[in-house]
Amino acid sequence: MEEQRIAVIGLGRIGSAFLQQILQRRALGITLVCAVEPNNTPGRRQAEEAGIAIRSVDDIIALREQVDIIFELTGVHTVRRDLREKLKLSGNLHTIVAPEAILRMMWALLTSQAMPECDRPAGGY
């Protein structure tokens, strides 16, 4: 199985729950390269305890093809827009940005647990 190298932006309620699911599946070829969370959330602390590097968005952009998928889970439309623009400007045509809508579909396949609710409206593209 080909390894999928991912990064997560946003370790709030949804990002933290996703982090737990990913950490349980490390042996399945999913590598969490790093995460972005500026606040001292439980998800950030859990990532640090698991040895996941906490970086900035610009750090992720600099990793280029070392990250296959970026899960943008902040729920903030401008974060996703800025991320896509930075990827474009960097010339990175490899890394894709997966919004919360993709995560919701994946969640249904990963677990029967209810996905945490976000207190912000979904942001679209």
PDB file of N, CA and C in Angstrom:
ATOM      1  N   MET A   1       0.840  -1.173   0.000  1.00  0.00           N
ATOM      2  CA  MET A   1       0.000   0.000   0.000  1.00  0.00           C
ATOM      3  C   MET A   1       0.890   1.243   0.000  1.00  0.00           C
ATOM      4  N   GLU A   2       0.532   2.198  -0.836  1.00  0.00           N
ATOM      5  CA  GLU A   2       1.294   3.440  -0.907  1.00  0.00           C
ATOM      6  C   GLU A   2       1.011   4.306   0.310  1.00  0.00           C
ATOM      7  N   GLU A   3       2.062   4.853   0.878  1.00  0.00           N
ATOM      8  CA  GLU A   3       1.927   5.723   2.041  1.00  0.00           C
ATOM      9  C   GLU A   3       1.268   7.034   1.635  1.00  0.00           C
ATOM     10  N   GLN A   4       0.342   7.510   2.463  1.00  0.00           N
ATOM     11  CA  GLN A   4      -0.275   8.821   2.287  1.00  0.00           C
ATOM     12  C   GLN A   4       0.247   9.725   3.386  1.00  0.00           C
ATOM     13  N   ARG A   5       0.883  10.804   2.992  1.00  0.00           N
ATOM     14  CA  ARG A   5       1.453  11.751   3.949  1.00  0.00           C
ATOM     15  C   ARG A   5       0.512  12.941   4.048  1.00  0.00           C
ATOM     16  N   ILE A   6      -0.002  13.157   5.253  1.00  0.00           N
ATOM     17  CA  ILE A   6      -1.008  14.193   5.421  1.00  0.00           C
ATOM     18  C   ILE A   6      -0.565  15.231   6.445  1.00  0.00           C
ATOM     19  N   ALA A   7      -1.215  16.374   6.371  1.00  0.00           N
ATOM     20  CA  ALA A   7      -1.070  17.434   7.362  1.00  0.00           C
ATOM     21  C   ALA A   7      -2.479  17.881   7.725  1.00  0.00           C
ATOM     22  N   VAL A   8      -2.643  18.348   8.942  1.00  0.00           N
ATOM     23  CA  VAL A   8      -3.941  18.824   9.415  1.00  0.00           C
ATOM     24  C   VAL A   8      -3.785  20.269   9.861  1.00  0.00           C
ATOM     25  N   ILE A   9      -4.669  21.114   9.360  1.00  0.00           N
ATOM     26  CA  ILE A   9      -4.712  22.502   9.809  1.00  0.00           C
ATOM     27  C   ILE A   9      -5.984  22.656  10.628  1.00  0.00           C
ATOM     28  N   GLY A  10      -5.813  22.906  11.909  1.00  0.00           N
ATOM     29  CA  GLY A  10      -6.944  23.071  12.815  1.00  0.00           C
ATOM     30  C   GLY A  10      -7.138  21.846  13.692  1.00  0.00           C
ATOM     31  N   LEU A  11      -6.800  21.974  14.961  1.00  0.00           N
ATOM     32  CA  LEU A  11      -6.983  20.874  15.916  1.00  0.00           C
ATOM     33  C   LEU A  11      -7.985  21.281  16.993  1.00  0.00           C
ATOM     34  N   GLY A  12      -9.101  21.817  16.540  1.00  0.00           N
ATOM     35  CA  GLY A  12     -10.220  22.094  17.433  1.00  0.00           C
ATOM     36  C   GLY A  12     -11.008  20.813  17.637  1.00  0.00           C
ATOM     37  N   ARG A  13     -12.320  20.931  17.798  1.00  0.00           N
ATOM     38  CA  ARG A  13     -13.130  19.726  18.047  1.00  0.00           C
ATOM     39  C   ARG A  13     -13.045  18.714  16.919  1.00  0.00           C
ATOM     40  N   ILE A  14     -13.257  19.164  15.689  1.00  0.00           N
ATOM     41  CA  ILE A  14     -13.249  18.239  14.553  1.00  0.00           C
ATOM     42  C   ILE A  14     -11.833  17.742  14.273  1.00  0.00           C
ATOM     43  N   GLY A  15     -10.874  18.641  14.235  1.00  0.00           N
ATOM     44  CA  GLY A  15      -9.490  18.246  13.976  1.00  0.00           C
ATOM     45  C   GLY A  15      -8.942  17.298  15.025  1.00  0.00           C
ATOM     46  N   SER A  16      -9.311  17.524  16.285  1.00  0.00           N
ATOM     47  CA  SER A  16      -8.850  16.641  17.370  1.00  0.00           C
ATOM     48  C   SER A  16      -9.432  15.241  17.229  1.00  0.00           C
ATOM     49  N   ALA A  17     -10.715  15.169  16.889  1.00  0.00           N
ATOM     50  CA  ALA A  17     -11.348  13.861  16.699  1.00  0.00           C
ATOM     51  C   ALA A  17     -10.723  13.135  15.504  1.00  0.00           C
ATOM     52  N   PHE A  18     -10.450  13.875  14.437  1.00  0.00           N
ATOM     53  CA  PHE A  18      -9.798  13.292  13.262  1.00  0.00           C
ATOM     54  C   PHE A  18      -8.394  12.808  13.621  1.00  0.00           C
ATOM     55  N   LEU A  19      -7.677  13.591  14.396  1.00  0.00           N
ATOM     56  CA  LEU A  19      -6.341  13.203  14.854  1.00  0.00           C
ATOM     57  C   LEU A  19      -6.391  11.855  15.568  1.00  0.00           C
ATOM     58  N   GLN A  20      -7.363  11.670  16.447  1.00  0.00           N
ATOM     59  CA  GLN A  20      -7.486  10.400  17.167  1.00  0.00           C
ATOM     60  C   GLN A  20      -7.690   9.242  16.200  1.00  0.00           C
ATOM     61  N   GLN A  21      -8.543   9.446  15.198  1.00  0.00           N
ATOM     62  CA  GLN A  21      -8.793   8.389  14.217  1.00  0.00           C
ATOM     63  C   GLN A  21      -7.519   8.061  13.425  1.00  0.00           C
ATOM     64  N   ILE A  22      -6.783   9.084  13.032  1.00  0.00           N
ATOM     65  CA  ILE A  22      -5.552   8.877  12.257  1.00  0.00           C
ATOM     66  C   ILE A  22      -4.493   8.169  13.100  1.00  0.00           C
ATOM     67  N   LEU A  23      -4.342   8.585  14.347  1.00  0.00           N
ATOM     68  CA  LEU A  23      -3.334   7.960  15.208  1.00  0.00           C
ATOM     69  C   LEU A  23      -3.623   6.477  15.413  1.00  0.00           C
ATOM     70  N   GLN A  24      -4.892   6.086  15.391  1.00  0.00           N
ATOM     71  CA  GLN A  24      -5.260   4.677  15.537  1.00  0.00           C
ATOM     72  C   GLN A  24      -4.962   3.877  14.273  1.00  0.00           C
ATOM     73  N   ARG A  25      -4.698   4.565  13.171  1.00  0.00           N
ATOM     74  CA  ARG A  25      -4.517   3.890  11.892  1.00  0.00           C
ATOM     75  C   ARG A  25      -3.119   4.090  11.304  1.00  0.00           C
ATOM     76  N   ARG A  26      -2.167   4.370  12.147  1.00  0.00           N
ATOM     77  CA  ARG A  26      -0.796   4.615  11.666  1.00  0.00           C
ATOM     78  C   ARG A  26      -0.248   3.443  10.865  1.00  0.00           C
ATOM     79  N   ALA A  27      -0.600   2.241  11.230  1.00  0.00           N
ATOM     80  CA  ALA A  27      -0.061   1.059  10.561  1.00  0.00           C
ATOM     81  C   ALA A  27      -0.673   0.840   9.178  1.00  0.00           C
ATOM     82  N   LEU A  28      -1.643   1.643   8.798  1.00  0.00           N
ATOM     83  CA  LEU A  28      -2.319   1.455   7.515  1.00  0.00           C
ATOM     84  C   LEU A  28      -1.747   2.322   6.399  1.00  0.00           C
ATOM     85  N   GLY A  29      -0.575   2.874   6.620  1.00  0.00           N
ATOM     86  CA  GLY A  29       0.061   3.650   5.570  1.00  0.00           C
ATOM     87  C   GLY A  29      -0.310   5.117   5.557  1.00  0.00           C
ATOM     88  N   ILE A  30      -0.843   5.618   6.664  1.00  0.00           N
ATOM     89  CA  ILE A  30      -1.181   7.036   6.783  1.00  0.00           C
ATOM     90  C   ILE A  30      -0.187   7.668   7.746  1.00  0.00           C
ATOM     91  N   THR A  31       0.565   8.631   7.256  1.00  0.00           N
ATOM     92  CA  THR A  31       1.547   9.323   8.082  1.00  0.00           C
ATOM     93  C   THR A  31       1.117  10.764   8.264  1.00  0.00           C
ATOM     94  N   LEU A  32       0.914  11.157   9.497  1.00  0.00           N
ATOM     95  CA  LEU A  32       0.607  12.551   9.804  1.00  0.00           C
ATOM     96  C   LEU A  32       1.936  13.276   9.937  1.00  0.00           C
ATOM     97  N   VAL A  33       2.292  14.036   8.919  1.00  0.00           N
ATOM     98  CA  VAL A  33       3.584  14.714   8.855  1.00  0.00           C
ATOM     99  C   VAL A  33       3.657  15.830   9.879  1.00  0.00           C
ATOM    100  N   CYS A  34       2.611  16.641   9.940  1.00  0.00           N
ATOM    101  CA  CYS A  34       2.590  17.758  10.880  1.00  0.00           C
ATOM    102  C   CYS A  34       1.182  18.315  10.978  1.00  0.00           C
ATOM    103  N   ALA A  35       1.003  19.225  11.919  1.00  0.00           N
ATOM    104  CA  ALA A  35      -0.290  19.877  12.120  1.00  0.00           C
ATOM    105  C   ALA A  35      -0.059  21.353  12.397  1.00  0.00           C
ATOM    106  N   VAL A  36      -1.100  22.137  12.151  1.00  0.00           N
ATOM    107  CA  VAL A  36      -1.078  23.566  12.448  1.00  0.00           C
ATOM    108  C   VAL A  36      -2.184  23.842  13.448  1.00  0.00           C
ATOM    109  N   GLU A  37      -1.817  24.394  14.578  1.00  0.00           N
ATOM    110  CA  GLU A  37      -2.796  24.833  15.581  1.00  0.00           C
ATOM    111  C   GLU A  37      -2.125  25.883  16.452  1.00  0.00           C
ATOM    112  N   PRO A  38      -2.513  27.151  16.283  1.00  0.00           N
ATOM    113  CA  PRO A  38      -1.868  28.206  17.063  1.00  0.00           C
ATOM    114  C   PRO A  38      -2.298  28.254  18.524  1.00  0.00           C
ATOM    115  N   ASN A  39      -3.451  27.664  18.822  1.00  0.00           N
ATOM    116  CA  ASN A  39      -3.974  27.716  20.190  1.00  0.00           C
ATOM    117  C   ASN A  39      -3.590  26.472  20.980  1.00  0.00           C
ATOM    118  N   ASN A  40      -3.654  26.583  22.283  1.00  0.00           N
ATOM    119  CA  ASN A  40      -3.315  25.469  23.170  1.00  0.00           C
ATOM    120  C   ASN A  40      -4.551  24.596  23.385  1.00  0.00           C
ATOM    121  N   THR A  41      -4.946  23.871  22.343  1.00  0.00           N
ATOM    122  CA  THR A  41      -6.132  23.024  22.406  1.00  0.00           C
ATOM    123  C   THR A  41      -5.758  21.623  22.887  1.00  0.00           C
ATOM    124  N   PRO A  42      -6.742  20.852  23.340  1.00  0.00           N
ATOM    125  CA  PRO A  42      -6.455  19.450  23.672  1.00  0.00           C
ATOM    126  C   PRO A  42      -5.875  18.690  22.478  1.00  0.00           C
ATOM    127  N   GLY A  43      -6.345  19.009  21.267  1.00  0.00           N
ATOM    128  CA  GLY A  43      -5.822  18.350  20.070  1.00  0.00           C
ATOM    129  C   GLY A  43      -4.358  18.661  19.830  1.00  0.00           C
ATOM    130  N   ARG A  44      -3.980  19.904  20.057  1.00  0.00           N
ATOM    131  CA  ARG A  44      -2.566  20.269  19.891  1.00  0.00           C
ATOM    132  C   ARG A  44      -1.713  19.506  20.901  1.00  0.00           C
ATOM    133  N   ARG A  45      -2.172  19.458  22.153  1.00  0.00           N
ATOM    134  CA  ARG A  45      -1.411  18.741  23.180  1.00  0.00           C
ATOM    135  C   ARG A  45      -1.307  17.257  22.832  1.00  0.00           C
ATOM    136  N   GLN A  46      -2.397  16.672  22.336  1.00  0.00           N
ATOM    137  CA  GLN A  46      -2.379  15.258  21.957  1.00  0.00           C
ATOM    138  C   GLN A  46      -1.393  15.025  20.806  1.00  0.00           C
ATOM    139  N   ALA A  47      -1.383  15.920  19.837  1.00  0.00           N
ATOM    140  CA  ALA A  47      -0.447  15.789  18.709  1.00  0.00           C
ATOM    141  C   ALA A  47       0.993  15.861  19.199  1.00  0.00           C
ATOM    142  N   GLU A  48       1.270  16.824  20.058  1.00  0.00           N
ATOM    143  CA  GLU A  48       2.628  16.965  20.589  1.00  0.00           C
ATOM    144  C   GLU A  48       3.037  15.722  21.368  1.00  0.00           C
ATOM    145  N   GLU A  49       2.119  15.178  22.178  1.00  0.00           N
ATOM    146  CA  GLU A  49       2.416  13.964  22.946  1.00  0.00           C
ATOM    147  C   GLU A  49       2.675  12.775  22.031  1.00  0.00           C
ATOM    148  N   ALA A  50       2.041  12.768  20.857  1.00  0.00           N
ATOM    149  CA  ALA A  50       2.220  11.672  19.900  1.00  0.00           C
ATOM    150  C   ALA A  50       3.436  11.887  19.001  1.00  0.00           C
ATOM    151  N   GLY A  51       4.158  12.991  19.220  1.00  0.00           N
ATOM    152  CA  GLY A  51       5.351  13.257  18.430  1.00  0.00           C
ATOM    153  C   GLY A  51       5.079  13.903  17.081  1.00  0.00           C
ATOM    154  N   ILE A  52       3.878  14.442  16.903  1.00  0.00           N
ATOM    155  CA  ILE A  52       3.526  15.123  15.659  1.00  0.00           C
ATOM    156  C   ILE A  52       4.035  16.560  15.737  1.00  0.00           C
ATOM    157  N   ALA A  53       4.766  16.981  14.736  1.00  0.00           N
ATOM    158  CA  ALA A  53       5.315  18.341  14.711  1.00  0.00           C
ATOM    159  C   ALA A  53       4.196  19.361  14.531  1.00  0.00           C
ATOM    160  N   ILE A  54       4.246  20.428  15.314  1.00  0.00           N
ATOM    161  CA  ILE A  54       3.319  21.548  15.160  1.00  0.00           C
ATOM    162  C   ILE A  54       4.062  22.615  14.364  1.00  0.00           C
ATOM    163  N   ARG A  55       3.502  22.973  13.231  1.00  0.00           N
ATOM    164  CA  ARG A  55       4.151  23.905  12.309  1.00  0.00           C
ATOM    165  C   ARG A  55       3.196  25.030  11.929  1.00  0.00           C
ATOM    166  N   SER A  56       3.662  25.882  11.030  1.00  0.00           N
ATOM    167  CA  SER A  56       2.826  26.948  10.479  1.00  0.00           C
ATOM    168  C   SER A  56       2.346  26.537   9.084  1.00  0.00           C
ATOM    169  N   VAL A  57       1.374  27.268   8.565  1.00  0.00           N
ATOM    170  CA  VAL A  57       0.915  27.013   7.199  1.00  0.00           C
ATOM    171  C   VAL A  57       2.079  27.174   6.225  1.00  0.00           C
ATOM    172  N   ASP A  58       2.879  28.200   6.422  1.00  0.00           N
ATOM    173  CA  ASP A  58       4.029  28.408   5.529  1.00  0.00           C
ATOM    174  C   ASP A  58       5.018  27.244   5.587  1.00  0.00           C
ATOM    175  N   ASP A  59       5.178  26.644   6.759  1.00  0.00           N
ATOM    176  CA  ASP A  59       6.044  25.461   6.873  1.00  0.00           C
ATOM    177  C   ASP A  59       5.500  24.313   6.028  1.00  0.00           C
ATOM    178  N   ILE A  60       4.182  24.131   6.055  1.00  0.00           N
ATOM    179  CA  ILE A  60       3.572  23.056   5.261  1.00  0.00           C
ATOM    180  C   ILE A  60       3.769  23.325   3.773  1.00  0.00           C
ATOM    181  N   ILE A  61       3.573  24.569   3.365  1.00  0.00           N
ATOM    182  CA  ILE A  61       3.777  24.934   1.960  1.00  0.00           C
ATOM    183  C   ILE A  61       5.213  24.599   1.546  1.00  0.00           C
ATOM    184  N   ALA A  62       6.171  24.889   2.412  1.00  0.00           N
ATOM    185  CA  ALA A  62       7.587  24.639   2.110  1.00  0.00           C
ATOM    186  C   ALA A  62       7.900  23.148   1.977  1.00  0.00           C
ATOM    187  N   LEU A  63       7.086  22.292   2.571  1.00  0.00           N
ATOM    188  CA  LEU A  63       7.313  20.847   2.462  1.00  0.00           C
ATOM    189  C   LEU A  63       7.004  20.311   1.067  1.00  0.00           C
ATOM    190  N   ARG A  64       6.242  21.071   0.301  1.00  0.00           N
ATOM    191  CA  ARG A  64       5.910  20.745  -1.085  1.00  0.00           C
ATOM    192  C   ARG A  64       5.383  19.315  -1.231  1.00  0.00           C
ATOM    193  N   GLU A  65       6.026  18.487  -2.024  1.00  0.00           N
ATOM    194  CA  GLU A  65       5.536  17.139  -2.316  1.00  0.00           C
ATOM    195  C   GLU A  65       5.718  16.153  -1.171  1.00  0.00           C
ATOM    196  N   GLN A  66       6.267  16.599  -0.055  1.00  0.00           N
ATOM    197  CA  GLN A  66       6.377  15.725   1.113  1.00  0.00           C
ATOM    198  C   GLN A  66       5.034  15.571   1.820  1.00  0.00           C
ATOM    199  N   VAL A  67       4.042  16.361   1.398  1.00  0.00           N
ATOM    200  CA  VAL A  67       2.680  16.251   1.929  1.00  0.00           C
ATOM    201  C   VAL A  67       1.751  15.985   0.752  1.00  0.00           C
ATOM    202  N   ASP A  68       0.989  14.888   0.827  1.00  0.00           N
ATOM    203  CA  ASP A  68       0.056  14.542  -0.244  1.00  0.00           C
ATOM    204  C   ASP A  68      -1.281  15.262  -0.083  1.00  0.00           C
ATOM    205  N   ILE A  69      -1.782  15.298   1.147  1.00  0.00           N
ATOM    206  CA  ILE A  69      -3.106  15.862   1.412  1.00  0.00           C
ATOM    207  C   ILE A  69      -3.031  16.756   2.637  1.00  0.00           C
ATOM    208  N   ILE A  70      -3.596  17.938   2.517  1.00  0.00           N
ATOM    209  CA  ILE A  70      -3.742  18.834   3.663  1.00  0.00           C
ATOM    210  C   ILE A  70      -5.217  18.868   4.020  1.00  0.00           C
ATOM    211  N   PHE A  71      -5.544  18.452   5.225  1.00  0.00           N
ATOM    212  CA  PHE A  71      -6.916  18.553   5.721  1.00  0.00           C
ATOM    213  C   PHE A  71      -7.061  19.904   6.398  1.00  0.00           C
ATOM    214  N   GLU A  72      -7.830  20.790   5.781  1.00  0.00           N
ATOM    215  CA  GLU A  72      -8.055  22.130   6.314  1.00  0.00           C
ATOM    216  C   GLU A  72      -9.352  22.074   7.114  1.00  0.00           C
ATOM    217  N   LEU A  73      -9.227  22.055   8.443  1.00  0.00           N
ATOM    218  CA  LEU A  73     -10.365  21.799   9.325  1.00  0.00           C
ATOM    219  C   LEU A  73     -10.668  22.958  10.260  1.00  0.00           C
ATOM    220  N   THR A  74     -10.302  24.160   9.860  1.00  0.00           N
ATOM    221  CA  THR A  74     -10.574  25.318  10.713  1.00  0.00           C
ATOM    222  C   THR A  74     -12.013  25.794  10.593  1.00  0.00           C
ATOM    223  N   GLY A  75     -12.650  25.500   9.469  1.00  0.00           N
ATOM    224  CA  GLY A  75     -13.988  26.024   9.230  1.00  0.00           C
ATOM    225  C   GLY A  75     -13.984  27.483   8.808  1.00  0.00           C
ATOM    226  N   VAL A  76     -12.809  28.018   8.549  1.00  0.00           N
ATOM    227  CA  VAL A  76     -12.676  29.432   8.179  1.00  0.00           C
ATOM    228  C   VAL A  76     -12.353  29.512   6.684  1.00  0.00           C
ATOM    229  N   HIS A  77     -13.283  30.065   5.916  1.00  0.00           N
ATOM    230  CA  HIS A  77     -13.140  30.120   4.462  1.00  0.00           C
ATOM    231  C   HIS A  77     -11.844  30.804   4.030  1.00  0.00           C
ATOM    232  N   THR A  78     -11.463  31.871   4.695  1.00  0.00           N
ATOM    233  CA  THR A  78     -10.259  32.606   4.278  1.00  0.00           C
ATOM    234  C   THR A  78      -8.986  31.784   4.480  1.00  0.00           C
ATOM    235  N   VAL A  79      -8.971  30.916   5.475  1.00  0.00           N
ATOM    236  CA  VAL A  79      -7.799  30.051   5.683  1.00  0.00           C
ATOM    237  C   VAL A  79      -7.647  29.120   4.488  1.00  0.00           C
ATOM    238  N   ARG A  80      -8.752  28.515   4.064  1.00  0.00           N
ATOM    239  CA  ARG A  80      -8.704  27.599   2.923  1.00  0.00           C
ATOM    240  C   ARG A  80      -8.307  28.345   1.646  1.00  0.00           C
ATOM    241  N   ARG A  81      -8.894  29.513   1.439  1.00  0.00           N
ATOM    242  CA  ARG A  81      -8.576  30.309   0.249  1.00  0.00           C
ATOM    243  C   ARG A  81      -7.092  30.677   0.227  1.00  0.00           C
ATOM    244  N   ASP A  82      -6.584  31.175   1.360  1.00  0.00           N
ATOM    245  CA  ASP A  82      -5.171  31.563   1.437  1.00  0.00           C
ATOM    246  C   ASP A  82      -4.250  30.361   1.240  1.00  0.00           C
ATOM    247  N   LEU A  83      -4.635  29.217   1.786  1.00  0.00           N
ATOM    248  CA  LEU A  83      -3.843  27.995   1.629  1.00  0.00           C
ATOM    249  C   LEU A  83      -3.749  27.603   0.159  1.00  0.00           C
ATOM    250  N   ARG A  84      -4.875  27.600  -0.530  1.00  0.00           N
ATOM    251  CA  ARG A  84      -4.875  27.254  -1.957  1.00  0.00           C
ATOM    252  C   ARG A  84      -4.020  28.236  -2.763  1.00  0.00           C
ATOM    253  N   GLU A  85      -4.128  29.515  -2.434  1.00  0.00           N
ATOM    254  CA  GLU A  85      -3.345  30.531  -3.143  1.00  0.00           C
ATOM    255  C   GLU A  85      -1.848  30.323  -2.918  1.00  0.00           C
ATOM    256  N   LYS A  86      -1.462  30.030  -1.686  1.00  0.00           N
ATOM    257  CA  LYS A  86      -0.043  29.801  -1.390  1.00  0.00           C
ATOM    258  C   LYS A  86       0.483  28.553  -2.099  1.00  0.00           C
ATOM    259  N   LEU A  87      -0.326  27.502  -2.153  1.00  0.00           N
ATOM    260  CA  LEU A  87       0.085  26.302  -2.883  1.00  0.00           C
ATOM    261  C   LEU A  87       0.277  26.625  -4.361  1.00  0.00           C
ATOM    262  N   LYS A  88      -0.646  27.383  -4.912  1.00  0.00           N
ATOM    263  CA  LYS A  88      -0.555  27.764  -6.325  1.00  0.00           C
ATOM    264  C   LYS A  88       0.708  28.586  -6.588  1.00  0.00           C
ATOM    265  N   LEU A  89       0.942  29.583  -5.757  1.00  0.00           N
ATOM    266  CA  LEU A  89       2.116  30.441  -5.938  1.00  0.00           C
ATOM    267  C   LEU A  89       3.427  29.674  -5.790  1.00  0.00           C
ATOM    268  N   SER A  90       3.405  28.618  -4.978  1.00  0.00           N
ATOM    269  CA  SER A  90       4.620  27.819  -4.782  1.00  0.00           C
ATOM    270  C   SER A  90       4.884  26.877  -5.955  1.00  0.00           C
ATOM    271  N   GLY A  91       3.902  26.740  -6.842  1.00  0.00           N
ATOM    272  CA  GLY A  91       4.045  25.817  -7.961  1.00  0.00           C
ATOM    273  C   GLY A  91       3.782  24.370  -7.583  1.00  0.00           C
ATOM    274  N   ASN A  92       3.251  24.139  -6.403  1.00  0.00           N
ATOM    275  CA  ASN A  92       2.981  22.784  -5.929  1.00  0.00           C
ATOM    276  C   ASN A  92       1.685  22.275  -6.556  1.00  0.00           C
ATOM    277  N   LEU A  93       1.813  21.392  -7.517  1.00  0.00           N
ATOM    278  CA  LEU A  93       0.652  20.789  -8.168  1.00  0.00           C
ATOM    279  C   LEU A  93       0.369  19.394  -7.623  1.00  0.00           C
ATOM    280  N   HIS A  94       1.137  18.980  -6.634  1.00  0.00           N
ATOM    281  CA  HIS A  94       1.007  17.638  -6.062  1.00  0.00           C
ATOM    282  C   HIS A  94       0.018  17.603  -4.894  1.00  0.00           C
ATOM    283  N   THR A  95       0.198  18.489  -3.945  1.00  0.00           N
ATOM    284  CA  THR A  95      -0.573  18.470  -2.699  1.00  0.00           C
ATOM    285  C   THR A  95      -1.992  18.957  -2.936  1.00  0.00           C
ATOM    286  N   ILE A  96      -2.960  18.213  -2.392  1.00  0.00           N
ATOM    287  CA  ILE A  96      -4.352  18.649  -2.509  1.00  0.00           C
ATOM    288  C   ILE A  96      -4.863  19.096  -1.144  1.00  0.00           C
ATOM    289  N   VAL A  97      -5.863  19.952  -1.171  1.00  0.00           N
ATOM    290  CA  VAL A  97      -6.486  20.455   0.047  1.00  0.00           C
ATOM    291  C   VAL A  97      -7.836  19.771   0.195  1.00  0.00           C
ATOM    292  N   ALA A  98      -8.021  19.095   1.316  1.00  0.00           N
ATOM    293  CA  ALA A  98      -9.281  18.414   1.601  1.00  0.00           C
ATOM    294  C   ALA A  98     -10.052  19.216   2.647  1.00  0.00           C
ATOM    295  N   PRO A  99     -11.233  19.710   2.295  1.00  0.00           N
ATOM    296  CA  PRO A  99     -12.032  20.468   3.253  1.00  0.00           C
ATOM    297  C   PRO A  99     -12.830  19.542   4.169  1.00  0.00           C
ATOM    298  N   GLU A 100     -13.563  20.143   5.102  1.00  0.00           N
ATOM    299  CA  GLU A 100     -14.356  19.371   6.060  1.00  0.00           C
ATOM    300  C   GLU A 100     -15.372  18.466   5.384  1.00  0.00           C
ATOM    301  N   ALA A 101     -15.886  18.843   4.220  1.00  0.00           N
ATOM    302  CA  ALA A 101     -16.867  18.006   3.523  1.00  0.00           C
ATOM    303  C   ALA A 101     -16.274  16.638   3.189  1.00  0.00           C
ATOM    304  N   ILE A 102     -15.027  16.599   2.772  1.00  0.00           N
ATOM    305  CA  ILE A 102     -14.351  15.328   2.482  1.00  0.00           C
ATOM    306  C   ILE A 102     -14.154  14.541   3.774  1.00  0.00           C
ATOM    307  N   LEU A 103     -13.786  15.249   4.833  1.00  0.00           N
ATOM    308  CA  LEU A 103     -13.600  14.581   6.119  1.00  0.00           C
ATOM    309  C   LEU A 103     -14.902  13.940   6.590  1.00  0.00           C
ATOM    310  N   ARG A 104     -16.029  14.618   6.400  1.00  0.00           N
ATOM    311  CA  ARG A 104     -17.315  14.050   6.825  1.00  0.00           C
ATOM    312  C   ARG A 104     -17.597  12.731   6.103  1.00  0.00           C
ATOM    313  N   MET A 105     -17.295  12.660   4.817  1.00  0.00           N
ATOM    314  CA  MET A 105     -17.487  11.426   4.078  1.00  0.00           C
ATOM    315  C   MET A 105     -16.545  10.343   4.598  1.00  0.00           C
ATOM    316  N   MET A 106     -15.274  10.706   4.815  1.00  0.00           N
ATOM    317  CA  MET A 106     -14.304   9.748   5.343  1.00  0.00           C
ATOM    318  C   MET A 106     -14.716   9.258   6.723  1.00  0.00           C
ATOM    319  N   TRP A 107     -15.208  10.174   7.550  1.00  0.00           N
ATOM    320  CA  TRP A 107     -15.607   9.844   8.917  1.00  0.00           C
ATOM    321  C   TRP A 107     -16.653   8.733   8.908  1.00  0.00           C
ATOM    322  N   ALA A 108     -17.614   8.844   8.002  1.00  0.00           N
ATOM    323  CA  ALA A 108     -18.675   7.844   7.910  1.00  0.00           C
ATOM    324  C   ALA A 108     -18.105   6.467   7.568  1.00  0.00           C
ATOM    325  N   LEU A 109     -17.007   6.439   6.841  1.00  0.00           N
ATOM    326  CA  LEU A 109     -16.371   5.169   6.485  1.00  0.00           C
ATOM    327  C   LEU A 109     -15.446   4.640   7.577  1.00  0.00           C
ATOM    328  N   LEU A 110     -14.897   5.540   8.393  1.00  0.00           N
ATOM    329  CA  LEU A 110     -13.930   5.156   9.419  1.00  0.00           C
ATOM    330  C   LEU A 110     -14.556   4.625  10.697  1.00  0.00           C
ATOM    331  N   THR A 111     -15.673   5.220  11.098  1.00  0.00           N
ATOM    332  CA  THR A 111     -16.201   4.915  12.423  1.00  0.00           C
ATOM    333  C   THR A 111     -17.711   5.089  12.465  1.00  0.00           C
ATOM    334  N   SER A 112     -18.330   4.418  13.411  1.00  0.00           N
ATOM    335  CA  SER A 112     -19.773   4.602  13.615  1.00  0.00           C
ATOM    336  C   SER A 112     -20.048   5.698  14.644  1.00  0.00           C
ATOM    337  N   GLN A 113     -18.996   6.271  15.211  1.00  0.00           N
ATOM    338  CA  GLN A 113     -19.162   7.356  16.177  1.00  0.00           C
ATOM    339  C   GLN A 113     -19.643   8.614  15.469  1.00  0.00           C
ATOM    340  N   ALA A 114     -20.410   9.411  16.192  1.00  0.00           N
ATOM    341  CA  ALA A 114     -20.856  10.690  15.637  1.00  0.00           C
ATOM    342  C   ALA A 114     -19.669  11.639  15.533  1.00  0.00           C
ATOM    343  N   MET A 115     -19.607  12.370  14.445  1.00  0.00           N
ATOM    344  CA  MET A 115     -18.547  13.355  14.276  1.00  0.00           C
ATOM    345  C   MET A 115     -18.894  14.588  15.095  1.00  0.00           C
ATOM    346  N   PRO A 116     -17.919  15.176  15.772  1.00  0.00           N
ATOM    347  CA  PRO A 116     -18.196  16.393  16.542  1.00  0.00           C
ATOM    348  C   PRO A 116     -18.728  17.493  15.637  1.00  0.00           C
ATOM    349  N   GLU A 117     -19.543  18.338  16.207  1.00  0.00           N
ATOM    350  CA  GLU A 117     -20.087  19.462  15.457  1.00  0.00           C
ATOM    351  C   GLU A 117     -19.169  20.661  15.580  1.00  0.00           C
ATOM    352  N   CYS A 118     -19.124  21.436  14.524  1.00  0.00           N
ATOM    353  CA  CYS A 118     -18.343  22.667  14.501  1.00  0.00           C
ATOM    354  C   CYS A 118     -19.273  23.825  14.824  1.00  0.00           C
ATOM    355  N   ASP A 119     -18.775  24.803  15.572  1.00  0.00           N
ATOM    356  CA  ASP A 119     -19.619  25.936  15.930  1.00  0.00           C
ATOM    357  C   ASP A 119     -19.598  27.037  14.875  1.00  0.00           C
ATOM    358  N   ARG A 120     -18.908  26.789  13.744  1.00  0.00           N
ATOM    359  CA  ARG A 120     -18.875  27.747  12.636  1.00  0.00           C
ATOM    360  C   ARG A 120     -19.593  27.141  11.443  1.00  0.00           C
ATOM    361  N   PRO A 121     -20.179  27.985  10.590  1.00  0.00           N
ATOM    362  CA  PRO A 121     -20.782  27.446   9.368  1.00  0.00           C
ATOM    363  C   PRO A 121     -19.707  26.899   8.439  1.00  0.00           C
ATOM    364  N   ALA A 122     -20.052  25.872   7.684  1.00  0.00           N
ATOM    365  CA  ALA A 122     -19.102  25.287   6.737  1.00  0.00           C
ATOM    366  C   ALA A 122     -18.721  26.319   5.693  1.00  0.00           C
ATOM    367  N   GLY A 123     -17.463  26.252   5.243  1.00  0.00           N
ATOM    368  CA  GLY A 123     -16.929  27.309   4.410  1.00  0.00           C
ATOM    369  C   GLY A 123     -16.905  27.085   2.913  1.00  0.00           C
ATOM    370  N   GLY A 124     -17.144  25.927   2.368  1.00  0.00           N
ATOM    371  CA  GLY A 124     -17.060  25.749   0.919  1.00  0.00           C
ATOM    372  C   GLY A 124     -15.692  26.111   0.368  1.00  0.00           C
ATOM    373  N   TYR A 125     -15.639  26.383  -0.914  1.00  0.00           N
ATOM    374  CA  TYR A 125     -14.369  26.716  -1.550  1.00  0.00           C
ATOM    375  C   TYR A 125     -14.149  28.199  -1.502  1.00  0.00           C
TER     376      TYR A 125
END
